[in-house]
């Protein structure tokens, strides 16, 4: 309960700061009916709603019964998180060389391998499908150009 309550308060603070930052966005004569602050305000509101739901859930649930060390789920050590961040960081230079789709496939495979998954056809099919989905989402549906690499 305590972790959820602290997380809820932290998210509310982040939502408030984010909302305050959106108020500093300048208005333009070229803006549409939503304006440049439309999406940031919606994101701040969604973050605040999530924070309130997490806080409400923390108050409504009963305190956890202490469990013995043998029943506890092991928490991932912080070096494991650093490894995931490193994979994400390496994605940027790889994308500038081989292009967005191939770099995304490589990153998805690298994360699966880093998390201990054994190489299989399914892993590669899921990585290719995930990269294709994100390419279609950004390039075709949203019209956001993806980085082109030196090779592709």
N, C-alpha and C. Protein backbone atom coordinates (compact mmCIF):
# COMPACT_ATOMS: atom_id res chain seq x y z
N UNK A 1 0.82 -1.18 0.00
CA UNK A 1 0.00 0.00 0.00
C UNK A 1 0.87 1.25 0.00
N UNK A 2 1.92 1.24 0.78
CA UNK A 2 2.75 2.44 0.91
C UNK A 2 3.41 2.79 -0.41
N UNK A 3 3.93 1.80 -1.13
CA UNK A 3 4.57 2.06 -2.42
C UNK A 3 3.58 2.67 -3.41
N UNK A 4 2.38 2.10 -3.45
CA UNK A 4 1.37 2.62 -4.37
C UNK A 4 0.97 4.05 -4.02
N UNK A 5 0.86 4.34 -2.75
CA UNK A 5 0.48 5.69 -2.34
C UNK A 5 1.58 6.69 -2.68
N UNK A 6 2.82 6.33 -2.46
CA UNK A 6 3.93 7.21 -2.81
C UNK A 6 4.00 7.39 -4.33
N UNK A 7 3.80 6.31 -5.07
CA UNK A 7 3.80 6.41 -6.52
C UNK A 7 2.66 7.30 -7.01
N UNK A 8 1.50 7.18 -6.39
CA UNK A 8 0.36 8.00 -6.76
C UNK A 8 0.65 9.49 -6.53
N UNK A 9 1.22 9.81 -5.39
CA UNK A 9 1.54 11.21 -5.11
C UNK A 9 2.61 11.72 -6.09
N UNK A 10 3.60 10.89 -6.38
CA UNK A 10 4.64 11.28 -7.33
C UNK A 10 4.07 11.54 -8.71
N UNK A 11 3.17 10.67 -9.16
CA UNK A 11 2.54 10.86 -10.46
C UNK A 11 1.68 12.12 -10.50
N UNK A 12 1.00 12.41 -9.40
CA UNK A 12 0.20 13.64 -9.36
C UNK A 12 1.09 14.88 -9.46
N UNK A 13 2.24 14.84 -8.80
CA UNK A 13 3.17 15.97 -8.90
C UNK A 13 3.69 16.10 -10.33
N UNK A 14 4.04 14.99 -10.95
CA UNK A 14 4.52 15.03 -12.33
C UNK A 14 3.42 15.56 -13.26
N UNK A 15 2.18 15.12 -13.06
CA UNK A 15 1.07 15.60 -13.88
C UNK A 15 0.87 17.11 -13.71
N UNK A 16 0.98 17.60 -12.49
CA UNK A 16 0.82 19.03 -12.24
C UNK A 16 1.93 19.84 -12.88
N UNK A 17 3.16 19.36 -12.77
CA UNK A 17 4.29 20.06 -13.39
C UNK A 17 4.16 20.03 -14.91
N UNK A 18 3.76 18.90 -15.44
CA UNK A 18 3.57 18.78 -16.89
C UNK A 18 2.48 19.73 -17.38
N UNK A 19 1.38 19.79 -16.62
CA UNK A 19 0.29 20.70 -16.99
C UNK A 19 0.76 22.15 -16.92
N UNK A 20 1.51 22.49 -15.88
CA UNK A 20 2.03 23.85 -15.77
C UNK A 20 2.94 24.18 -16.95
N UNK A 21 3.71 23.20 -17.39
CA UNK A 21 4.60 23.42 -18.54
C UNK A 21 3.80 23.63 -19.82
N UNK A 22 2.65 22.98 -19.94
CA UNK A 22 1.84 23.16 -21.14
C UNK A 22 1.26 24.57 -21.21
N UNK A 23 1.09 25.21 -20.08
CA UNK A 23 0.54 26.56 -20.08
C UNK A 23 1.54 27.57 -20.64
N UNK A 24 2.80 27.20 -20.73
CA UNK A 24 3.82 28.11 -21.27
C UNK A 24 3.97 27.98 -22.78
N UNK A 25 3.25 27.02 -23.41
CA UNK A 25 3.32 26.86 -24.86
C UNK A 25 2.64 28.05 -25.51
N UNK A 26 3.33 28.67 -26.44
CA UNK A 26 2.80 29.87 -27.08
C UNK A 26 1.69 29.52 -28.06
N UNK A 27 0.71 30.38 -28.13
CA UNK A 27 -0.37 30.22 -29.08
C UNK A 27 0.10 30.74 -30.44
N UNK A 28 -0.46 30.19 -31.51
CA UNK A 28 -0.05 30.58 -32.85
C UNK A 28 -1.27 30.93 -33.68
N UNK A 29 -1.06 31.77 -34.65
CA UNK A 29 -2.17 32.10 -35.56
C UNK A 29 -2.43 30.95 -36.53
N UNK A 30 -1.53 30.02 -36.62
CA UNK A 30 -1.67 28.87 -37.51
C UNK A 30 -2.29 27.65 -36.82
N UNK A 31 -2.66 27.77 -35.56
CA UNK A 31 -3.15 26.61 -34.83
C UNK A 31 -4.53 26.20 -35.31
N UNK A 32 -4.86 24.93 -35.08
CA UNK A 32 -6.18 24.42 -35.43
C UNK A 32 -7.12 24.56 -34.24
N UNK A 33 -8.26 23.91 -34.28
CA UNK A 33 -9.23 24.07 -33.19
C UNK A 33 -8.76 23.47 -31.87
N UNK A 34 -7.88 22.48 -31.92
CA UNK A 34 -7.35 21.89 -30.70
C UNK A 34 -6.22 22.73 -30.14
N UNK A 35 -5.39 23.23 -30.99
CA UNK A 35 -4.29 24.07 -30.56
C UNK A 35 -3.07 23.27 -30.14
N UNK A 36 -1.96 23.95 -29.93
CA UNK A 36 -0.73 23.24 -29.58
C UNK A 36 -0.73 22.67 -28.17
N UNK A 37 -1.64 23.10 -27.33
CA UNK A 37 -1.68 22.58 -25.96
C UNK A 37 -2.68 21.44 -25.77
N UNK A 38 -3.42 21.10 -26.83
CA UNK A 38 -4.46 20.08 -26.71
C UNK A 38 -3.96 18.74 -26.24
N UNK A 39 -3.01 18.15 -26.96
CA UNK A 39 -2.48 16.84 -26.59
C UNK A 39 -1.75 16.85 -25.25
N UNK A 40 -0.88 17.84 -24.98
CA UNK A 40 -0.22 17.84 -23.67
C UNK A 40 -1.20 17.94 -22.49
N UNK A 41 -2.27 18.69 -22.65
CA UNK A 41 -3.26 18.78 -21.57
C UNK A 41 -3.97 17.44 -21.37
N UNK A 42 -4.30 16.78 -22.48
CA UNK A 42 -4.94 15.46 -22.37
C UNK A 42 -3.99 14.47 -21.69
N UNK A 43 -2.72 14.50 -22.06
CA UNK A 43 -1.74 13.60 -21.43
C UNK A 43 -1.60 13.88 -19.93
N UNK A 44 -1.58 15.16 -19.55
CA UNK A 44 -1.50 15.52 -18.13
C UNK A 44 -2.75 15.03 -17.39
N UNK A 45 -3.91 15.19 -18.01
CA UNK A 45 -5.16 14.74 -17.38
C UNK A 45 -5.16 13.21 -17.22
N UNK A 46 -4.72 12.49 -18.25
CA UNK A 46 -4.67 11.03 -18.15
C UNK A 46 -3.70 10.57 -17.07
N UNK A 47 -2.55 11.24 -16.97
CA UNK A 47 -1.60 10.90 -15.92
C UNK A 47 -2.20 11.16 -14.54
N UNK A 48 -2.91 12.26 -14.39
CA UNK A 48 -3.56 12.56 -13.11
C UNK A 48 -4.63 11.52 -12.78
N UNK A 49 -5.40 11.10 -13.78
CA UNK A 49 -6.43 10.09 -13.55
C UNK A 49 -5.79 8.77 -13.12
N UNK A 50 -4.72 8.37 -13.79
CA UNK A 50 -4.01 7.14 -13.41
C UNK A 50 -3.49 7.24 -11.98
N UNK A 51 -2.96 8.41 -11.62
CA UNK A 51 -2.44 8.60 -10.27
C UNK A 51 -3.56 8.48 -9.24
N UNK A 52 -4.70 9.05 -9.52
CA UNK A 52 -5.83 8.98 -8.58
C UNK A 52 -6.32 7.53 -8.46
N UNK A 53 -6.36 6.81 -9.56
CA UNK A 53 -6.81 5.41 -9.51
C UNK A 53 -5.83 4.57 -8.69
N UNK A 54 -4.53 4.78 -8.89
CA UNK A 54 -3.53 4.04 -8.11
C UNK A 54 -3.66 4.38 -6.63
N UNK A 55 -3.86 5.66 -6.31
CA UNK A 55 -4.03 6.07 -4.91
C UNK A 55 -5.29 5.50 -4.30
N UNK A 56 -6.39 5.50 -5.05
CA UNK A 56 -7.65 4.94 -4.54
C UNK A 56 -7.50 3.44 -4.29
N UNK A 57 -6.83 2.76 -5.22
CA UNK A 57 -6.62 1.33 -5.04
C UNK A 57 -5.75 1.05 -3.82
N UNK A 58 -4.79 1.93 -3.56
CA UNK A 58 -3.92 1.75 -2.39
C UNK A 58 -4.72 1.87 -1.10
N UNK A 59 -5.69 2.79 -1.07
CA UNK A 59 -6.51 2.95 0.13
C UNK A 59 -7.52 1.83 0.29
N UNK A 60 -8.03 1.28 -0.82
CA UNK A 60 -9.09 0.28 -0.75
C UNK A 60 -8.57 -1.12 -0.45
N UNK A 61 -7.34 -1.40 -0.77
CA UNK A 61 -6.83 -2.75 -0.54
C UNK A 61 -6.36 -2.90 0.90
N UNK A 62 -6.47 -4.10 1.37
CA UNK A 62 -6.02 -4.39 2.73
C UNK A 62 -4.50 -4.43 2.75
N UNK A 63 -3.91 -4.10 3.89
CA UNK A 63 -2.45 -4.19 3.96
C UNK A 63 -1.98 -5.61 3.68
N UNK A 64 -0.89 -5.69 2.99
CA UNK A 64 -0.36 -7.00 2.62
C UNK A 64 0.11 -7.75 3.85
N UNK A 65 -0.13 -9.04 3.84
CA UNK A 65 0.34 -9.90 4.92
C UNK A 65 1.82 -10.17 4.68
N UNK A 66 2.64 -10.00 5.71
CA UNK A 66 4.06 -10.26 5.50
C UNK A 66 4.28 -11.70 5.05
N UNK A 67 5.16 -11.85 4.07
CA UNK A 67 5.46 -13.18 3.55
C UNK A 67 6.90 -13.52 3.87
N UNK A 68 7.14 -14.80 3.93
CA UNK A 68 8.51 -15.23 4.20
C UNK A 68 9.37 -14.99 2.96
N UNK A 69 10.67 -15.00 3.14
CA UNK A 69 11.59 -14.74 2.04
C UNK A 69 11.46 -15.78 0.93
N UNK A 70 11.06 -17.00 1.29
CA UNK A 70 10.95 -18.04 0.27
C UNK A 70 9.72 -17.82 -0.63
N UNK A 71 8.68 -17.14 -0.12
CA UNK A 71 7.47 -16.89 -0.90
C UNK A 71 7.55 -15.59 -1.71
N UNK A 72 8.55 -14.78 -1.44
CA UNK A 72 8.65 -13.48 -2.08
C UNK A 72 9.09 -13.61 -3.53
N UNK A 73 8.51 -12.77 -4.39
CA UNK A 73 8.97 -12.70 -5.77
C UNK A 73 10.29 -11.94 -5.79
N UNK A 74 11.27 -12.46 -6.47
CA UNK A 74 12.55 -11.74 -6.52
C UNK A 74 12.41 -10.48 -7.36
N UNK A 75 12.97 -9.38 -6.86
CA UNK A 75 12.96 -8.14 -7.61
C UNK A 75 14.20 -8.07 -8.47
N UNK A 76 14.05 -7.47 -9.61
CA UNK A 76 15.19 -7.35 -10.51
C UNK A 76 16.18 -6.35 -9.95
N UNK A 77 17.45 -6.69 -9.98
CA UNK A 77 18.46 -5.74 -9.50
C UNK A 77 18.60 -4.58 -10.49
N UNK A 78 19.11 -3.46 -9.99
CA UNK A 78 19.20 -2.28 -10.84
C UNK A 78 20.13 -2.45 -12.02
N UNK A 79 21.18 -3.29 -11.96
CA UNK A 79 21.99 -3.47 -13.17
C UNK A 79 21.18 -4.04 -14.35
N UNK A 80 20.15 -4.81 -14.05
CA UNK A 80 19.30 -5.35 -15.10
C UNK A 80 18.58 -4.22 -15.83
N UNK A 81 18.11 -3.23 -15.08
CA UNK A 81 17.45 -2.07 -15.70
C UNK A 81 18.44 -1.28 -16.53
N UNK A 82 19.68 -1.18 -16.05
CA UNK A 82 20.71 -0.47 -16.81
C UNK A 82 20.96 -1.18 -18.14
N UNK A 83 20.90 -2.50 -18.15
CA UNK A 83 21.08 -3.26 -19.39
C UNK A 83 20.00 -2.94 -20.40
N UNK A 84 18.75 -2.85 -19.94
CA UNK A 84 17.65 -2.50 -20.83
C UNK A 84 17.84 -1.08 -21.36
N UNK A 85 18.24 -0.16 -20.49
CA UNK A 85 18.51 1.21 -20.94
C UNK A 85 19.63 1.25 -21.97
N UNK A 86 20.65 0.43 -21.77
CA UNK A 86 21.76 0.37 -22.71
C UNK A 86 21.29 -0.13 -24.08
N UNK A 87 20.43 -1.12 -24.10
CA UNK A 87 19.88 -1.62 -25.37
C UNK A 87 19.10 -0.50 -26.06
N UNK A 88 18.28 0.23 -25.31
CA UNK A 88 17.55 1.35 -25.89
C UNK A 88 18.47 2.44 -26.39
N UNK A 89 19.54 2.69 -25.66
CA UNK A 89 20.49 3.72 -26.06
C UNK A 89 21.23 3.30 -27.34
N UNK A 90 21.61 2.03 -27.43
CA UNK A 90 22.31 1.54 -28.61
C UNK A 90 21.41 1.51 -29.84
N UNK A 91 20.10 1.51 -29.64
CA UNK A 91 19.16 1.52 -30.75
C UNK A 91 19.37 2.75 -31.63
N UNK A 92 19.68 3.89 -31.03
CA UNK A 92 19.81 5.13 -31.79
C UNK A 92 20.93 5.07 -32.83
N UNK A 93 22.16 4.71 -32.45
CA UNK A 93 23.18 4.63 -33.50
C UNK A 93 22.93 3.51 -34.50
N UNK A 94 22.35 2.41 -34.06
CA UNK A 94 22.05 1.31 -34.98
C UNK A 94 21.01 1.77 -36.01
N UNK A 95 19.99 2.52 -35.57
CA UNK A 95 18.96 3.02 -36.48
C UNK A 95 19.54 3.98 -37.51
N UNK A 96 20.54 4.76 -37.11
CA UNK A 96 21.13 5.69 -38.07
C UNK A 96 21.97 4.97 -39.12
N UNK A 97 22.37 3.74 -38.83
CA UNK A 97 23.17 2.97 -39.80
C UNK A 97 22.28 2.06 -40.65
N UNK A 98 21.43 1.27 -40.02
CA UNK A 98 20.65 0.27 -40.77
C UNK A 98 19.20 0.69 -41.02
N UNK A 99 18.74 1.79 -40.47
CA UNK A 99 17.36 2.22 -40.68
C UNK A 99 16.43 1.76 -39.58
N UNK A 100 15.25 2.37 -39.55
CA UNK A 100 14.29 2.13 -38.47
C UNK A 100 13.80 0.69 -38.38
N UNK A 101 13.28 0.09 -39.46
CA UNK A 101 12.69 -1.25 -39.29
C UNK A 101 13.69 -2.30 -38.83
N UNK A 102 14.85 -2.34 -39.45
CA UNK A 102 15.84 -3.35 -39.07
C UNK A 102 16.39 -3.10 -37.66
N UNK A 103 16.57 -1.83 -37.30
CA UNK A 103 17.03 -1.51 -35.94
C UNK A 103 16.00 -1.92 -34.91
N UNK A 104 14.71 -1.75 -35.21
CA UNK A 104 13.67 -2.12 -34.27
C UNK A 104 13.61 -3.64 -34.10
N UNK A 105 13.75 -4.38 -35.20
CA UNK A 105 13.79 -5.84 -35.11
C UNK A 105 14.97 -6.26 -34.23
N UNK A 106 16.12 -5.64 -34.47
CA UNK A 106 17.32 -5.96 -33.69
C UNK A 106 17.11 -5.66 -32.21
N UNK A 107 16.49 -4.51 -31.90
CA UNK A 107 16.27 -4.15 -30.50
C UNK A 107 15.30 -5.13 -29.83
N UNK A 108 14.23 -5.50 -30.53
CA UNK A 108 13.26 -6.42 -29.94
C UNK A 108 13.89 -7.79 -29.68
N UNK A 109 14.72 -8.26 -30.60
CA UNK A 109 15.42 -9.53 -30.40
C UNK A 109 16.41 -9.40 -29.24
N UNK A 110 17.13 -8.29 -29.19
CA UNK A 110 18.12 -8.09 -28.12
C UNK A 110 17.46 -8.08 -26.74
N UNK A 111 16.30 -7.43 -26.62
CA UNK A 111 15.61 -7.40 -25.33
C UNK A 111 15.14 -8.81 -24.94
N UNK A 112 14.60 -9.55 -25.91
CA UNK A 112 14.15 -10.91 -25.61
C UNK A 112 15.32 -11.79 -25.16
N UNK A 113 16.44 -11.67 -25.86
CA UNK A 113 17.62 -12.46 -25.47
C UNK A 113 18.15 -12.02 -24.11
N UNK A 114 18.16 -10.72 -23.86
CA UNK A 114 18.65 -10.19 -22.59
C UNK A 114 17.78 -10.69 -21.42
N UNK A 115 16.50 -10.83 -21.66
CA UNK A 115 15.59 -11.30 -20.62
C UNK A 115 15.62 -12.82 -20.45
N UNK A 116 16.48 -13.49 -21.22
CA UNK A 116 16.66 -14.92 -21.01
C UNK A 116 15.87 -15.83 -21.93
N UNK A 117 15.23 -15.29 -22.93
CA UNK A 117 14.47 -16.12 -23.86
C UNK A 117 15.43 -16.85 -24.78
N UNK A 118 15.15 -18.12 -25.01
CA UNK A 118 15.99 -18.89 -25.92
C UNK A 118 15.64 -18.51 -27.36
N UNK A 119 16.65 -18.38 -28.23
CA UNK A 119 16.37 -18.04 -29.63
C UNK A 119 15.45 -19.09 -30.27
N UNK A 120 14.44 -18.59 -30.97
CA UNK A 120 13.51 -19.48 -31.65
C UNK A 120 12.91 -18.73 -32.84
N UNK A 121 12.27 -19.48 -33.68
CA UNK A 121 11.60 -18.88 -34.83
C UNK A 121 10.52 -17.93 -34.35
N UNK A 122 9.80 -18.32 -33.31
CA UNK A 122 8.72 -17.49 -32.77
C UNK A 122 9.24 -16.12 -32.32
N UNK A 123 10.41 -16.09 -31.67
CA UNK A 123 10.97 -14.82 -31.20
C UNK A 123 11.24 -13.89 -32.39
N UNK A 124 11.80 -14.44 -33.47
CA UNK A 124 12.10 -13.61 -34.63
C UNK A 124 10.83 -13.18 -35.36
N UNK A 125 9.83 -14.04 -35.41
CA UNK A 125 8.56 -13.68 -36.04
C UNK A 125 7.87 -12.57 -35.26
N UNK A 126 7.88 -12.68 -33.93
CA UNK A 126 7.28 -11.63 -33.10
C UNK A 126 8.05 -10.32 -33.26
N UNK A 127 9.37 -10.37 -33.32
CA UNK A 127 10.16 -9.15 -33.49
C UNK A 127 9.88 -8.50 -34.85
N UNK A 128 9.81 -9.30 -35.90
CA UNK A 128 9.51 -8.76 -37.23
C UNK A 128 8.10 -8.21 -37.27
N UNK A 129 7.15 -8.94 -36.68
CA UNK A 129 5.77 -8.46 -36.63
C UNK A 129 5.63 -7.17 -35.83
N UNK A 130 6.34 -7.09 -34.70
CA UNK A 130 6.30 -5.87 -33.89
C UNK A 130 6.89 -4.69 -34.62
N UNK A 131 8.01 -4.90 -35.32
CA UNK A 131 8.63 -3.82 -36.09
C UNK A 131 7.70 -3.38 -37.23
N UNK A 132 7.08 -4.35 -37.89
CA UNK A 132 6.15 -4.01 -38.97
C UNK A 132 4.95 -3.22 -38.43
N UNK A 133 4.44 -3.63 -37.28
CA UNK A 133 3.31 -2.92 -36.67
C UNK A 133 3.69 -1.47 -36.36
N UNK A 134 4.84 -1.26 -35.72
CA UNK A 134 5.23 0.11 -35.38
C UNK A 134 5.55 0.93 -36.62
N UNK A 135 6.12 0.31 -37.65
CA UNK A 135 6.38 1.04 -38.89
C UNK A 135 5.07 1.47 -39.51
N UNK A 136 4.09 0.54 -39.59
CA UNK A 136 2.77 0.90 -40.14
C UNK A 136 2.10 1.99 -39.31
N UNK A 137 2.18 1.85 -37.99
CA UNK A 137 1.54 2.84 -37.12
C UNK A 137 2.11 4.23 -37.34
N UNK A 138 3.43 4.35 -37.29
CA UNK A 138 4.03 5.67 -37.39
C UNK A 138 4.09 6.18 -38.83
N UNK A 139 4.54 5.37 -39.74
CA UNK A 139 4.77 5.83 -41.12
C UNK A 139 3.46 5.99 -41.88
N UNK A 140 2.57 5.01 -41.80
CA UNK A 140 1.36 5.01 -42.61
C UNK A 140 0.19 5.71 -41.90
N UNK A 141 -0.11 5.27 -40.69
CA UNK A 141 -1.29 5.79 -40.00
C UNK A 141 -1.07 7.22 -39.50
N UNK A 142 0.04 7.45 -38.79
CA UNK A 142 0.28 8.77 -38.21
C UNK A 142 1.05 9.71 -39.13
N UNK A 143 1.66 9.19 -40.17
CA UNK A 143 2.40 10.03 -41.10
C UNK A 143 3.69 10.59 -40.54
N UNK A 144 4.28 9.90 -39.57
CA UNK A 144 5.54 10.35 -38.97
C UNK A 144 6.68 9.63 -39.69
N UNK A 145 7.53 10.39 -40.35
CA UNK A 145 8.66 9.79 -41.06
C UNK A 145 9.64 9.18 -40.07
N UNK A 146 10.08 7.99 -40.40
CA UNK A 146 11.01 7.29 -39.54
C UNK A 146 12.44 7.49 -40.03
N UNK A 147 13.41 7.39 -39.15
CA UNK A 147 14.80 7.64 -39.54
C UNK A 147 15.26 6.65 -40.63
N UNK A 148 15.95 7.20 -41.61
CA UNK A 148 16.54 6.36 -42.64
C UNK A 148 18.01 6.15 -42.30
N UNK A 149 18.45 4.95 -42.49
CA UNK A 149 19.84 4.64 -42.18
C UNK A 149 20.74 4.78 -43.40
N UNK A 150 22.00 4.62 -43.17
CA UNK A 150 22.97 4.70 -44.26
C UNK A 150 22.76 3.54 -45.23
N UNK A 151 22.48 2.35 -44.68
CA UNK A 151 22.32 1.16 -45.53
C UNK A 151 20.92 1.04 -46.13
N UNK A 152 19.88 1.36 -45.34
CA UNK A 152 18.50 1.20 -45.83
C UNK A 152 17.70 2.46 -45.58
